[in-house]
């Protein structure tokens, strides 16, 4: 069986990378096909190849049909009251006691508990005493992360998914859906804009954002030495970086999860990389406007050997 080349996804763009992993993880975790594999091919851009799938259209139909069921899944049930008006929000920054109660409620929830490990930890809190979320949480203000994911789940279609994986990305949709901020090809740097982009609705590729959300369990967080650390992220909360590997040997989702937690990918010798099938390592800067504000990713570059992340490939903040 020939692999299916996903020509719409670019491995040098975090959103493309996350989306490829999300599709693979959905096959393994939701469709019960853990032996499906993913590799990357350098065709001027790093494109993912899916091994062990016969019919891409049928796969995308199944993913879209499954998306709506997530509105009732424990993974998207984390909600709490926020602000003076006690507005109910679905986000990743609840008070610790609310987070603990939610964890207790979803215990034994199968795959959904893997998302909880990627959302945050009561071992780290922000200046307001609330849970500090994953370093991949880039929304703030009117852009409420959980509400946006639920909107994606409600509205994503097979056509959205096909545009995401096969391209080209048009950034146009009759009824726009939210973007989670992982597309490093779309600049939201205030210094490069005529107005503050924080209150603007982010332009996105709905299918790619939904698939990227599905990849989150591959990037768990953990408290270490008084800080919350996110897999594949480094630096501080306001100024940090995301780094990720590209591999040429077809790998299952379990093998990829181990690869993502490798220490010092950038410092490996060419022979060490070759043994592991690593063809390239990319890094993308993370910046935030303030301690609790939204964030953005800078365009990726090939990681320099001086880049470092914390133990297990996690960020320090």
Foldseek 3Di string as FASTA:
>chain_A
DFWDWQAAAFCLFQLSVLLVLLLQVCCVQVVVDQPWWWAWDPPVTTIITIPDDDDVLVSLQVVLVCLLVCVVALLLPQWFFDDPVRDIARALWAALVSLVVSLVVCVVVGPSVLSSQLFFDLLAHFPVRTTDTHLLQFADDPCGPSVLSNQLSNDDHSVLQSCNRHHDQPLDDPDFGAARFRGQVDDQDCVPDPDRCNPPGDRDSSNSRNSSSSSRSLWGWDDDPSWIWTQQKADDSAKTKGKDFHFHDIDGSVLRSQVSQDFQPQQDDPVRCVVSRTDFMKMWMWHAPDRRHGIHTHRIDTDHSPDGADHRRIYGD
